[in-house]
Amino acid sequence: MSPHRRPVPVWYALVAALVSALAVAGACIAYTEHVSRRQCTVLRTEVAAYREVPPTTPTGELLARAKEQLLRDLHC
């Protein structure tokens, strides 16, 4: 270590770690909200399409009901 440089105080390192952790947490929350909004938009569009032209096969009807249930479960 250079004789002209003082060591970093412990509190400074702790504050830097805390600020970094809060920044990462905030970015994660923002990204999760963004992805959730996109997922809700896609599900709403798919459910609207199934309502406009109802599926005719049993598998299609099962899929349409499952997507409607998912839309309700996600509170979109």
N, C-alpha and C. Protein backbone atom coordinates (compact mmCIF):
# COMPACT_ATOMS: atom_id res chain seq x y z
N MET A 1 0.84 -1.17 0.00
CA MET A 1 0.00 0.00 0.00
C MET A 1 0.89 1.24 0.00
N SER A 2 0.43 2.24 -0.69
CA SER A 2 1.18 3.49 -0.78
C SER A 2 1.14 4.22 0.56
N PRO A 3 2.22 4.87 0.97
CA PRO A 3 2.21 5.59 2.25
C PRO A 3 1.34 6.84 2.22
N HIS A 4 0.96 7.30 1.04
CA HIS A 4 0.15 8.52 0.92
C HIS A 4 -1.34 8.24 0.82
N ARG A 5 -1.71 6.99 0.79
CA ARG A 5 -3.12 6.63 0.64
C ARG A 5 -3.66 6.05 1.94
N ARG A 6 -4.78 6.61 2.40
CA ARG A 6 -5.39 6.09 3.63
C ARG A 6 -6.29 4.91 3.30
N PRO A 7 -6.39 3.94 4.19
CA PRO A 7 -7.28 2.81 3.92
C PRO A 7 -8.75 3.26 3.96
N VAL A 8 -9.58 2.53 3.25
CA VAL A 8 -11.01 2.84 3.19
C VAL A 8 -11.65 2.45 4.52
N PRO A 9 -12.45 3.35 5.10
CA PRO A 9 -13.11 3.00 6.36
C PRO A 9 -14.13 1.86 6.15
N VAL A 10 -14.35 1.10 7.18
CA VAL A 10 -15.28 -0.03 7.11
C VAL A 10 -16.69 0.46 6.81
N TRP A 11 -17.11 1.55 7.41
CA TRP A 11 -18.46 2.05 7.19
C TRP A 11 -18.68 2.43 5.73
N TYR A 12 -17.64 2.92 5.07
CA TYR A 12 -17.75 3.29 3.66
C TYR A 12 -18.01 2.04 2.81
N ALA A 13 -17.31 0.98 3.09
CA ALA A 13 -17.50 -0.27 2.35
C ALA A 13 -18.89 -0.85 2.61
N LEU A 14 -19.37 -0.75 3.85
CA LEU A 14 -20.71 -1.25 4.18
C LEU A 14 -21.79 -0.44 3.47
N VAL A 15 -21.64 0.86 3.43
CA VAL A 15 -22.62 1.72 2.74
C VAL A 15 -22.62 1.40 1.25
N ALA A 16 -21.45 1.23 0.67
CA ALA A 16 -21.36 0.89 -0.75
C ALA A 16 -22.03 -0.45 -1.04
N ALA A 17 -21.84 -1.44 -0.17
CA ALA A 17 -22.47 -2.74 -0.35
C ALA A 17 -23.99 -2.64 -0.23
N LEU A 18 -24.47 -1.85 0.73
CA LEU A 18 -25.90 -1.67 0.92
C LEU A 18 -26.54 -0.98 -0.28
N VAL A 19 -25.92 0.07 -0.76
CA VAL A 19 -26.44 0.79 -1.92
C VAL A 19 -26.47 -0.12 -3.15
N SER A 20 -25.43 -0.91 -3.32
CA SER A 20 -25.38 -1.84 -4.45
C SER A 20 -26.49 -2.88 -4.35
N ALA A 21 -26.70 -3.42 -3.16
CA ALA A 21 -27.75 -4.43 -2.98
C ALA A 21 -29.13 -3.83 -3.25
N LEU A 22 -29.37 -2.62 -2.79
CA LEU A 22 -30.65 -1.97 -3.04
C LEU A 22 -30.85 -1.67 -4.52
N ALA A 23 -29.80 -1.29 -5.20
CA ALA A 23 -29.90 -1.01 -6.64
C ALA A 23 -30.23 -2.29 -7.41
N VAL A 24 -29.59 -3.38 -7.07
CA VAL A 24 -29.86 -4.65 -7.75
C VAL A 24 -31.28 -5.12 -7.45
N ALA A 25 -31.73 -5.00 -6.21
CA ALA A 25 -33.09 -5.40 -5.85
C ALA A 25 -34.11 -4.56 -6.60
N GLY A 26 -33.88 -3.26 -6.68
CA GLY A 26 -34.80 -2.39 -7.42
C GLY A 26 -34.86 -2.74 -8.89
N ALA A 27 -33.72 -3.02 -9.49
CA ALA A 27 -33.70 -3.41 -10.90
C ALA A 27 -34.44 -4.73 -11.12
N CYS A 28 -34.28 -5.67 -10.20
CA CYS A 28 -34.98 -6.95 -10.32
C CYS A 28 -36.49 -6.78 -10.22
N ILE A 29 -36.93 -5.95 -9.31
CA ILE A 29 -38.37 -5.71 -9.16
C ILE A 29 -38.92 -5.03 -10.40
N ALA A 30 -38.22 -4.04 -10.92
CA ALA A 30 -38.68 -3.35 -12.13
C ALA A 30 -38.77 -4.30 -13.31
N TYR A 31 -37.77 -5.16 -13.47
CA TYR A 31 -37.77 -6.11 -14.58
C TYR A 31 -38.91 -7.12 -14.43
N THR A 32 -39.14 -7.60 -13.23
CA THR A 32 -40.22 -8.56 -12.99
C THR A 32 -41.58 -7.94 -13.33
N GLU A 33 -41.78 -6.69 -12.95
CA GLU A 33 -43.04 -6.01 -13.28
C GLU A 33 -43.19 -5.87 -14.79
N HIS A 34 -42.10 -5.54 -15.47
CA HIS A 34 -42.13 -5.40 -16.92
C HIS A 34 -42.53 -6.71 -17.59
N VAL A 35 -41.91 -7.81 -17.17
CA VAL A 35 -42.21 -9.11 -17.74
C VAL A 35 -43.65 -9.52 -17.43
N SER A 36 -44.12 -9.22 -16.23
CA SER A 36 -45.49 -9.55 -15.85
C SER A 36 -46.50 -8.81 -16.71
N ARG A 37 -46.24 -7.53 -16.97
CA ARG A 37 -47.15 -6.75 -17.83
C ARG A 37 -47.19 -7.33 -19.23
N ARG A 38 -46.02 -7.71 -19.76
CA ARG A 38 -45.98 -8.29 -21.10
C ARG A 38 -46.73 -9.62 -21.14
N GLN A 39 -46.57 -10.44 -20.11
CA GLN A 39 -47.24 -11.73 -20.06
C GLN A 39 -48.76 -11.53 -20.01
N CYS A 40 -49.20 -10.56 -19.23
CA CYS A 40 -50.64 -10.30 -19.14
C CYS A 40 -51.19 -9.83 -20.49
N THR A 41 -50.44 -9.01 -21.19
CA THR A 41 -50.88 -8.54 -22.50
C THR A 41 -51.03 -9.69 -23.47
N VAL A 42 -50.08 -10.59 -23.49
CA VAL A 42 -50.14 -11.75 -24.38
C VAL A 42 -51.32 -12.64 -24.02
N LEU A 43 -51.50 -12.90 -22.73
CA LEU A 43 -52.62 -13.76 -22.31
C LEU A 43 -53.97 -13.13 -22.64
N ARG A 44 -54.11 -11.82 -22.40
CA ARG A 44 -55.38 -11.15 -22.72
C ARG A 44 -55.68 -11.27 -24.21
N THR A 45 -54.65 -11.11 -25.05
CA THR A 45 -54.84 -11.22 -26.50
C THR A 45 -55.25 -12.63 -26.90
N GLU A 46 -54.61 -13.62 -26.32
CA GLU A 46 -54.96 -15.01 -26.64
C GLU A 46 -56.37 -15.37 -26.19
N VAL A 47 -56.74 -14.93 -24.99
CA VAL A 47 -58.09 -15.23 -24.49
C VAL A 47 -59.13 -14.52 -25.35
N ALA A 48 -58.85 -13.30 -25.77
CA ALA A 48 -59.79 -12.58 -26.64
C ALA A 48 -59.95 -13.30 -27.97
N ALA A 49 -58.85 -13.83 -28.49
CA ALA A 49 -58.93 -14.57 -29.75
C ALA A 49 -59.75 -15.84 -29.58
N TYR A 50 -59.58 -16.54 -28.47
CA TYR A 50 -60.38 -17.75 -28.23
C TYR A 50 -61.85 -17.41 -28.05
N ARG A 51 -62.16 -16.25 -27.51
CA ARG A 51 -63.58 -15.86 -27.34
C ARG A 51 -64.18 -15.47 -28.69
N GLU A 52 -63.37 -14.84 -29.53
CA GLU A 52 -63.87 -14.42 -30.85
C GLU A 52 -64.13 -15.63 -31.75
N VAL A 53 -63.18 -16.55 -31.76
CA VAL A 53 -63.32 -17.79 -32.55
C VAL A 53 -63.08 -18.95 -31.59
N PRO A 54 -64.14 -19.48 -30.99
CA PRO A 54 -63.97 -20.55 -30.00
C PRO A 54 -63.34 -21.81 -30.63
N PRO A 55 -62.50 -22.48 -29.87
CA PRO A 55 -61.89 -23.71 -30.38
C PRO A 55 -62.94 -24.81 -30.54
N THR A 56 -62.69 -25.71 -31.47
CA THR A 56 -63.67 -26.77 -31.75
C THR A 56 -63.22 -28.13 -31.24
N THR A 57 -61.96 -28.30 -30.97
CA THR A 57 -61.47 -29.60 -30.50
C THR A 57 -61.44 -29.62 -28.97
N PRO A 58 -61.51 -30.81 -28.38
CA PRO A 58 -61.43 -30.90 -26.92
C PRO A 58 -60.13 -30.34 -26.37
N THR A 59 -59.03 -30.57 -27.07
CA THR A 59 -57.74 -30.04 -26.61
C THR A 59 -57.73 -28.51 -26.68
N GLY A 60 -58.29 -27.96 -27.75
CA GLY A 60 -58.37 -26.51 -27.88
C GLY A 60 -59.23 -25.89 -26.80
N GLU A 61 -60.35 -26.55 -26.48
CA GLU A 61 -61.23 -26.04 -25.41
C GLU A 61 -60.52 -26.10 -24.06
N LEU A 62 -59.78 -27.17 -23.82
CA LEU A 62 -59.03 -27.31 -22.57
C LEU A 62 -57.97 -26.22 -22.47
N LEU A 63 -57.28 -25.96 -23.55
CA LEU A 63 -56.27 -24.91 -23.59
C LEU A 63 -56.88 -23.53 -23.35
N ALA A 64 -58.03 -23.28 -23.97
CA ALA A 64 -58.70 -21.98 -23.78
C ALA A 64 -59.11 -21.79 -22.32
N ARG A 65 -59.67 -22.84 -21.71
CA ARG A 65 -60.06 -22.73 -20.29
C ARG A 65 -58.84 -22.53 -19.40
N ALA A 66 -57.75 -23.22 -19.71
CA ALA A 66 -56.54 -23.09 -18.91
C ALA A 66 -55.97 -21.68 -19.00
N LYS A 67 -56.00 -21.09 -20.18
CA LYS A 67 -55.49 -19.72 -20.34
C LYS A 67 -56.39 -18.71 -19.63
N GLU A 68 -57.69 -18.91 -19.68
CA GLU A 68 -58.60 -18.03 -18.95
C GLU A 68 -58.36 -18.13 -17.44
N GLN A 69 -58.14 -19.34 -16.94
CA GLN A 69 -57.86 -19.53 -15.53
C GLN A 69 -56.54 -18.87 -15.14
N LEU A 70 -55.53 -19.01 -15.97
CA LEU A 70 -54.24 -18.38 -15.72
C LEU A 70 -54.38 -16.87 -15.68
N LEU A 71 -55.17 -16.33 -16.58
CA LEU A 71 -55.42 -14.89 -16.61
C LEU A 71 -56.06 -14.42 -15.30
N ARG A 72 -57.02 -15.20 -14.80
CA ARG A 72 -57.65 -14.85 -13.52
C ARG A 72 -56.68 -15.01 -12.35
N ASP A 73 -55.87 -16.06 -12.38
CA ASP A 73 -54.91 -16.30 -11.29
C ASP A 73 -53.85 -15.22 -11.20
N LEU A 74 -53.45 -14.69 -12.35
CA LEU A 74 -52.43 -13.63 -12.36
C LEU A 74 -53.00 -12.25 -12.07
N HIS A 75 -54.32 -12.15 -11.98
CA HIS A 75 -55.00 -10.88 -11.70
C HIS A 75 -54.64 -9.82 -12.72
N CYS A 76 -54.69 -10.21 -13.98
CA CYS A 76 -54.36 -9.27 -15.05
C CYS A 76 -55.55 -8.38 -15.38
